[in-house]
PDB file of N, CA and C in Angstrom:
ATOM      1  N   UNK A   1      99.144 110.192  95.377  1.00  0.00           N
ATOM      2  CA  UNK A   1      99.522 109.004  96.500  1.00  0.00           C
ATOM      3  C   UNK A   1      98.479 108.706  96.951  1.00  0.00           C
ATOM      4  N   UNK A   2      98.383 107.117  97.210  1.00  0.00           N
ATOM      5  CA  UNK A   2      97.122 106.832  97.791  1.00  0.00           C
ATOM      6  C   UNK A   2      97.765 106.122  99.015  1.00  0.00           C
ATOM      7  N   UNK A   3      96.930 105.994 100.367  1.00  0.00           N
ATOM      8  CA  UNK A   3      97.299 105.605 101.340  1.00  0.00           C
ATOM      9  C   UNK A   3      96.827 104.531 102.015  1.00  0.00           C
ATOM     10  N   UNK A   4      97.020 103.150 102.215  1.00  0.00           N
ATOM     11  CA  UNK A   4      96.591 102.231 102.610  1.00  0.00           C
ATOM     12  C   UNK A   4      97.063 102.059 104.176  1.00  0.00           C
ATOM     13  N   UNK A   5      95.746 101.589 105.043  1.00  0.00           N
ATOM     14  CA  UNK A   5      96.067 100.855 106.606  1.00  0.00           C
ATOM     15  C   UNK A   5      96.497  99.453 106.324  1.00  0.00           C
ATOM     16  N   UNK A   6      97.417  99.132 107.045  1.00  0.00           N
ATOM     17  CA  UNK A   6      98.153  98.075 107.294  1.00  0.00           C
ATOM     18  C   UNK A   6      97.821  97.691 108.512  1.00  0.00           C
ATOM     19  N   UNK A   7      98.004  96.607 108.722  1.00  0.00           N
ATOM     20  CA  UNK A   7      97.953  95.584 110.257  1.00  0.00           C
ATOM     21  C   UNK A   7      99.003  94.879 110.422  1.00  0.00           C
ATOM     22  N   UNK A   8     100.030  94.984 111.133  1.00  0.00           N
ATOM     23  CA  UNK A   8     101.030  93.938 111.666  1.00  0.00           C
ATOM     24  C   UNK A   8     101.341  93.074 112.694  1.00  0.00           C
ATOM     25  N   UNK A   9     101.408  91.905 112.256  1.00  0.00           N
ATOM     26  CA  UNK A   9     101.176  91.024 113.399  1.00  0.00           C
ATOM     27  C   UNK A   9     102.448  90.404 113.787  1.00  0.00           C
ATOM     28  N   UNK A  10     102.623  90.043 114.966  1.00  0.00           N
ATOM     29  CA  UNK A  10     104.069  89.365 114.983  1.00  0.00           C
ATOM     30  C   UNK A  10     103.658  87.869 114.709  1.00  0.00           C
ATOM     31  N   UNK A  11     104.512  87.297 114.048  1.00  0.00           N
ATOM     32  CA  UNK A  11     104.508  86.056 113.482  1.00  0.00           C
ATOM     33  C   UNK A  11     105.246  84.787 114.731  1.00  0.00           C
ATOM     34  N   UNK A  12     104.537  83.566 114.500  1.00  0.00           N
ATOM     35  CA  UNK A  12     104.465  82.734 115.693  1.00  0.00           C
ATOM     36  C   UNK A  12     106.190  82.186 115.323  1.00  0.00           C
ATOM     37  N   UNK A  13     106.631  82.241 114.502  1.00  0.00           N
ATOM     38  CA  UNK A  13     107.941  81.756 114.451  1.00  0.00           C
ATOM     39  C   UNK A  13     109.107  82.970 114.322  1.00  0.00           C
ATOM     40  N   UNK A  14     108.523  83.970 114.709  1.00  0.00           N
ATOM     41  CA  UNK A  14     109.500  84.970 114.832  1.00  0.00           C
ATOM     42  C   UNK A  14     109.327  86.092 113.078  1.00  0.00           C
ATOM     43  N   UNK A  15     109.469  87.297 113.597  1.00  0.00           N
ATOM     44  CA  UNK A  15     109.394  88.379 112.911  1.00  0.00           C
ATOM     45  C   UNK A  15     107.814  88.853 112.681  1.00  0.00           C
ATOM     46  N   UNK A  16     107.418  89.404 111.666  1.00  0.00           N
ATOM     47  CA  UNK A  16     105.853  90.099 111.798  1.00  0.00           C
ATOM     48  C   UNK A  16     105.671  89.737 109.930  1.00  0.00           C
ATOM     49  N   UNK A  17     104.171  89.278 109.856  1.00  0.00           N
ATOM     50  CA  UNK A  17     103.526  89.463 108.662  1.00  0.00           C
ATOM     51  C   UNK A  17     102.243  90.519 108.677  1.00  0.00           C
ATOM     52  N   UNK A  18     102.344  91.149 107.735  1.00  0.00           N
ATOM     53  CA  UNK A  18     101.639  92.106 107.683  1.00  0.00           C
ATOM     54  C   UNK A  18     100.242  92.449 106.531  1.00  0.00           C
ATOM     55  N   UNK A  19      99.016  92.563 106.726  1.00  0.00           N
ATOM     56  CA  UNK A  19      97.890  92.442 105.621  1.00  0.00           C
ATOM     57  C   UNK A  19      97.358  93.935 105.407  1.00  0.00           C
ATOM     58  N   UNK A  20      96.449  94.083 104.007  1.00  0.00           N
ATOM     59  CA  UNK A  20      96.114  94.959 103.997  1.00  0.00           C
ATOM     60  C   UNK A  20      94.647  95.023 103.826  1.00  0.00           C
ATOM     61  N   UNK A  21      93.886  95.367 104.847  1.00  0.00           N
ATOM     62  CA  UNK A  21      92.377  95.032 104.874  1.00  0.00           C
ATOM     63  C   UNK A  21      91.488  95.456 103.414  1.00  0.00           C
ATOM     64  N   UNK A  22      92.227  96.716 102.861  1.00  0.00           N
ATOM     65  CA  UNK A  22      91.539  97.106 101.437  1.00  0.00           C
ATOM     66  C   UNK A  22      91.696  96.585 100.478  1.00  0.00           C
ATOM     67  N   UNK A  23      92.980  95.496 100.386  1.00  0.00           N
ATOM     68  CA  UNK A  23      93.125  95.066  99.538  1.00  0.00           C
ATOM     69  C   UNK A  23      93.430  93.366  99.552  1.00  0.00           C
ATOM     70  N   UNK A  24      92.487  92.374  99.714  1.00  0.00           N
ATOM     71  CA  UNK A  24      91.929  91.282 100.003  1.00  0.00           C
ATOM     72  C   UNK A  24      93.572  90.517  99.179  1.00  0.00           C
ATOM     73  N   UNK A  25      93.751  89.222 100.052  1.00  0.00           N
ATOM     74  CA  UNK A  25      94.836  89.012  99.582  1.00  0.00           C
ATOM     75  C   UNK A  25      96.492  89.109  99.305  1.00  0.00           C
ATOM     76  N   UNK A  26      96.428  90.731  99.655  1.00  0.00           N
ATOM     77  CA  UNK A  26      97.907  91.495  99.855  1.00  0.00           C
ATOM     78  C   UNK A  26      98.217  91.128 101.032  1.00  0.00           C
ATOM     79  N   UNK A  27      99.861  90.611 101.474  1.00  0.00           N
ATOM     80  CA  UNK A  27     100.429  90.014 102.131  1.00  0.00           C
ATOM     81  C   UNK A  27     101.407  90.199 102.416  1.00  0.00           C
ATOM     82  N   UNK A  28     102.343  90.405 103.074  1.00  0.00           N
ATOM     83  CA  UNK A  28     103.930  90.453 102.989  1.00  0.00           C
ATOM     84  C   UNK A  28     104.515  89.854 104.609  1.00  0.00           C
ATOM     85  N   UNK A  29     105.687  89.659 104.550  1.00  0.00           N
ATOM     86  CA  UNK A  29     106.524  89.585 106.247  1.00  0.00           C
ATOM     87  C   UNK A  29     107.593  90.511 105.621  1.00  0.00           C
ATOM     88  N   UNK A  30     108.140  90.327 106.864  1.00  0.00           N
ATOM     89  CA  UNK A  30     109.680  90.183 107.592  1.00  0.00           C
ATOM     90  C   UNK A  30     110.176  90.340 108.688  1.00  0.00           C
ATOM     91  N   UNK A  31     111.453  90.238 108.598  1.00  0.00           N
ATOM     92  CA  UNK A  31     111.938  89.629 110.218  1.00  0.00           C
ATOM     93  C   UNK A  31     111.978  91.077 111.038  1.00  0.00           C
ATOM     94  N   UNK A  32     112.054  92.222 110.702  1.00  0.00           N
ATOM     95  CA  UNK A  32     112.040  93.284 111.605  1.00  0.00           C
ATOM     96  C   UNK A  32     110.670  94.000 111.081  1.00  0.00           C
ATOM     97  N   UNK A  33     110.089  95.128 111.698  1.00  0.00           N
ATOM     98  CA  UNK A  33     108.947  96.191 111.389  1.00  0.00           C
ATOM     99  C   UNK A  33     109.044  96.661 110.129  1.00  0.00           C
ATOM    100  N   UNK A  34     110.266  97.283 110.373  1.00  0.00           N
ATOM    101  CA  UNK A  34     111.124  98.298 109.258  1.00  0.00           C
ATOM    102  C   UNK A  34     111.012  97.195 108.147  1.00  0.00           C
ATOM    103  N   UNK A  35     111.230  96.187 108.069  1.00  0.00           N
ATOM    104  CA  UNK A  35     111.745  95.091 107.196  1.00  0.00           C
ATOM    105  C   UNK A  35     110.233  94.727 106.431  1.00  0.00           C
ATOM    106  N   UNK A  36     109.151  94.476 107.230  1.00  0.00           N
ATOM    107  CA  UNK A  36     108.061  94.245 106.769  1.00  0.00           C
ATOM    108  C   UNK A  36     107.254  95.771 106.267  1.00  0.00           C
ATOM    109  N   UNK A  37     107.355  96.686 106.997  1.00  0.00           N
ATOM    110  CA  UNK A  37     106.930  97.717 106.424  1.00  0.00           C
ATOM    111  C   UNK A  37     107.732  97.818 104.822  1.00  0.00           C
ATOM    112  N   UNK A  38     109.063  98.013 104.414  1.00  0.00           N
ATOM    113  CA  UNK A  38     109.466  97.716 103.571  1.00  0.00           C
ATOM    114  C   UNK A  38     108.460  96.634 102.223  1.00  0.00           C
ATOM    115  N   UNK A  39     108.586  95.635 102.770  1.00  0.00           N
ATOM    116  CA  UNK A  39     107.926  94.526 102.137  1.00  0.00           C
ATOM    117  C   UNK A  39     106.341  94.887 101.850  1.00  0.00           C
ATOM    118  N   UNK A  40     105.717  95.033 102.333  1.00  0.00           N
ATOM    119  CA  UNK A  40     104.201  95.105 102.045  1.00  0.00           C
ATOM    120  C   UNK A  40     104.255  96.481 101.314  1.00  0.00           C
ATOM    121  N   UNK A  41     105.094  97.330 101.196  1.00  0.00           N
ATOM    122  CA  UNK A  41     104.648  98.424 100.569  1.00  0.00           C
ATOM    123  C   UNK A  41     104.975  98.057  98.750  1.00  0.00           C
ATOM    124  N   UNK A  42     106.209  97.024  98.836  1.00  0.00           N
ATOM    125  CA  UNK A  42     106.262  96.390  97.451  1.00  0.00           C
ATOM    126  C   UNK A  42     104.982  95.542  97.103  1.00  0.00           C
ATOM    127  N   UNK A  43     104.471  95.011  97.992  1.00  0.00           N
ATOM    128  CA  UNK A  43     103.215  94.228  97.539  1.00  0.00           C
ATOM    129  C   UNK A  43     101.876  94.650  97.288  1.00  0.00           C
ATOM    130  N   UNK A  44     102.040  96.159  98.117  1.00  0.00           N
ATOM    131  CA  UNK A  44     100.845  96.570  97.333  1.00  0.00           C
ATOM    132  C   UNK A  44     101.038  97.135  95.903  1.00  0.00           C
ATOM    133  N   UNK A  45     102.118  97.572  95.830  1.00  0.00           N
ATOM    134  CA  UNK A  45     102.457  98.071  94.157  1.00  0.00           C
ATOM    135  C   UNK A  45     102.193  97.101  93.439  1.00  0.00           C
ATOM    136  N   UNK A  46     102.567  95.920  93.727  1.00  0.00           N
ATOM    137  CA  UNK A  46     102.380  94.450  92.715  1.00  0.00           C
ATOM    138  C   UNK A  46     101.054  94.303  92.657  1.00  0.00           C
ATOM    139  N   UNK A  47     100.411  94.224  93.725  1.00  0.00           N
ATOM    140  CA  UNK A  47      99.041  93.963  93.627  1.00  0.00           C
ATOM    141  C   UNK A  47      98.354  94.939  92.899  1.00  0.00           C
ATOM    142  N   UNK A  48      98.325  96.159  93.258  1.00  0.00           N
ATOM    143  CA  UNK A  48      97.673  97.306  92.316  1.00  0.00           C
ATOM    144  C   UNK A  48      98.346  97.095  91.008  1.00  0.00           C
ATOM    145  N   UNK A  49      99.446  96.865  90.500  1.00  0.00           N
ATOM    146  CA  UNK A  49     100.106  96.744  89.203  1.00  0.00           C
ATOM    147  C   UNK A  49      99.025  95.475  88.695  1.00  0.00           C
ATOM    148  N   UNK A  50      98.745  94.234  89.637  1.00  0.00           N
ATOM    149  CA  UNK A  50      97.953  92.929  88.559  1.00  0.00           C
ATOM    150  C   UNK A  50      96.601  93.540  88.691  1.00  0.00           C
ATOM    151  N   UNK A  51      96.086  94.157  89.301  1.00  0.00           N
ATOM    152  CA  UNK A  51      94.811  94.509  89.266  1.00  0.00           C
ATOM    153  C   UNK A  51      94.388  95.184  87.783  1.00  0.00           C
ATOM    154  N   UNK A  52      95.163  96.078  87.983  1.00  0.00           N
ATOM    155  CA  UNK A  52      95.067  97.124  86.954  1.00  0.00           C
ATOM    156  C   UNK A  52      95.404  96.300  85.529  1.00  0.00           C
ATOM    157  N   UNK A  53      96.709  95.418  85.239  1.00  0.00           N
ATOM    158  CA  UNK A  53      96.613  94.732  83.971  1.00  0.00           C
ATOM    159  C   UNK A  53      95.410  93.597  83.992  1.00  0.00           C
ATOM    160  N   UNK A  54      94.707  93.082  85.065  1.00  0.00           N
ATOM    161  CA  UNK A  54      93.464  92.384  84.544  1.00  0.00           C
ATOM    162  C   UNK A  54      92.345  93.140  84.618  1.00  0.00           C
ATOM    163  N   UNK A  55      92.652  94.466  84.302  1.00  0.00           N
ATOM    164  CA  UNK A  55      91.291  95.433  84.266  1.00  0.00           C
ATOM    165  C   UNK A  55      90.235  95.407  85.438  1.00  0.00           C
ATOM    166  N   UNK A  56      90.694  95.297  86.246  1.00  0.00           N
ATOM    167  CA  UNK A  56      89.651  94.794  87.564  1.00  0.00           C
ATOM    168  C   UNK A  56      90.103  96.183  88.494  1.00  0.00           C
ATOM    169  N   UNK A  57      88.853  96.747  89.365  1.00  0.00           N
ATOM    170  CA  UNK A  57      89.109  97.900  90.022  1.00  0.00           C
ATOM    171  C   UNK A  57      90.387  98.022  91.086  1.00  0.00           C
ATOM    172  N   UNK A  58      90.737  98.877  91.230  1.00  0.00           N
ATOM    173  CA  UNK A  58      91.600  99.332  92.262  1.00  0.00           C
ATOM    174  C   UNK A  58      90.817 100.009  93.672  1.00  0.00           C
ATOM    175  N   UNK A  59      90.863  99.157  94.537  1.00  0.00           N
ATOM    176  CA  UNK A  59      89.939  99.348  95.559  1.00  0.00           C
ATOM    177  C   UNK A  59      90.616 100.731  96.660  1.00  0.00           C
ATOM    178  N   UNK A  60      89.789 101.627  96.467  1.00  0.00           N
ATOM    179  CA  UNK A  60      90.135 102.784  97.513  1.00  0.00           C
ATOM    180  C   UNK A  60      89.807 102.907  98.865  1.00  0.00           C
ATOM    181  N   UNK A  61      90.785 103.035 100.028  1.00  0.00           N
ATOM    182  CA  UNK A  61      90.606 103.053 101.263  1.00  0.00           C
ATOM    183  C   UNK A  61      89.477 104.285 101.584  1.00  0.00           C
ATOM    184  N   UNK A  62      88.296 104.138 101.872  1.00  0.00           N
ATOM    185  CA  UNK A  62      87.439 105.303 102.502  1.00  0.00           C
ATOM    186  C   UNK A  62      87.283 105.259 104.098  1.00  0.00           C
ATOM    187  N   UNK A  63      88.192 105.878 104.596  1.00  0.00           N
ATOM    188  CA  UNK A  63      88.339 106.098 106.313  1.00  0.00           C
ATOM    189  C   UNK A  63      88.459 104.946 106.764  1.00  0.00           C
ATOM    190  N   UNK A  64      88.894 103.829 106.400  1.00  0.00           N
ATOM    191  CA  UNK A  64      89.165 102.809 107.414  1.00  0.00           C
ATOM    192  C   UNK A  64      89.319 102.726 108.957  1.00  0.00           C
ATOM    193  N   UNK A  65      88.643 102.703 109.690  1.00  0.00           N
ATOM    194  CA  UNK A  65      88.659 102.657 111.028  1.00  0.00           C
ATOM    195  C   UNK A  65      89.172 101.378 112.014  1.00  0.00           C
ATOM    196  N   UNK A  66      90.310 101.301 112.476  1.00  0.00           N
ATOM    197  CA  UNK A  66      90.375 100.066 113.602  1.00  0.00           C
ATOM    198  C   UNK A  66      90.737 100.410 114.670  1.00  0.00           C
ATOM    199  N   UNK A  67      89.929  99.707 115.460  1.00  0.00           N
ATOM    200  CA  UNK A  67      90.269  99.597 117.386  1.00  0.00           C
ATOM    201  C   UNK A  67      90.005  98.580 117.820  1.00  0.00           C
ATOM    202  N   UNK A  68      90.231  98.446 119.118  1.00  0.00           N
ATOM    203  CA  UNK A  68      89.896  97.702 119.809  1.00  0.00           C
ATOM    204  C   UNK A  68      89.121  97.686 120.387  1.00  0.00           C
ATOM    205  N   UNK A  69      88.564  96.371 121.484  1.00  0.00           N
ATOM    206  CA  UNK A  69      87.688  96.328 122.027  1.00  0.00           C
ATOM    207  C   UNK A  69      87.540  95.287 122.908  1.00  0.00           C
ATOM    208  N   UNK A  70      87.613  95.662 124.599  1.00  0.00           N
ATOM    209  CA  UNK A  70      87.666  94.306 125.316  1.00  0.00           C
ATOM    210  C   UNK A  70      86.856  93.674 125.866  1.00  0.00           C
ATOM    211  N   UNK A  71      86.485  92.347 125.787  1.00  0.00           N
ATOM    212  CA  UNK A  71      85.164  91.924 126.113  1.00  0.00           C
ATOM    213  C   UNK A  71      85.794  90.917 127.242  1.00  0.00           C
ATOM    214  N   UNK A  72      84.849  90.300 127.812  1.00  0.00           N
ATOM    215  CA  UNK A  72      84.841  89.380 129.112  1.00  0.00           C
ATOM    216  C   UNK A  72      84.876  87.890 128.213  1.00  0.00           C
ATOM    217  N   UNK A  73      85.906  87.182 128.894  1.00  0.00           N
ATOM    218  CA  UNK A  73      85.764  85.897 128.019  1.00  0.00           C
ATOM    219  C   UNK A  73      84.759  85.176 129.124  1.00  0.00           C
ATOM    220  N   UNK A  74      83.832  84.690 128.409  1.00  0.00           N
ATOM    221  CA  UNK A  74      82.544  83.645 128.854  1.00  0.00           C
ATOM    222  C   UNK A  74      83.279  82.110 129.102  1.00  0.00           C
ATOM    223  N   UNK A  75      83.608  81.446 130.205  1.00  0.00           N
ATOM    224  CA  UNK A  75      83.886  79.921 130.578  1.00  0.00           C
ATOM    225  C   UNK A  75      82.939  79.156 130.315  1.00  0.00           C
ATOM    226  N   UNK A  76      82.946  78.322 129.637  1.00  0.00           N
ATOM    227  CA  UNK A  76      81.920  77.130 129.767  1.00  0.00           C
ATOM    228  C   UNK A  76      82.012  76.128 130.657  1.00  0.00           C
TER     229      UNK A  76
END
């Protein structure tokens, strides 16, 4: 079993969209966080399947660290 870090964003039109930083181009969405999580799991599986069919390497996540940092807004 392989795990991938996902980032869940609130969508402007409602619901959520999800990205997988280690798998560029792998995105999904859902009306709730639970739905978005189910959908991104399926998207990851299909993305990996497509890479394998195309004989492309499947990226493996190596301790991806996601953090937050506060910066002072510079006014022009």
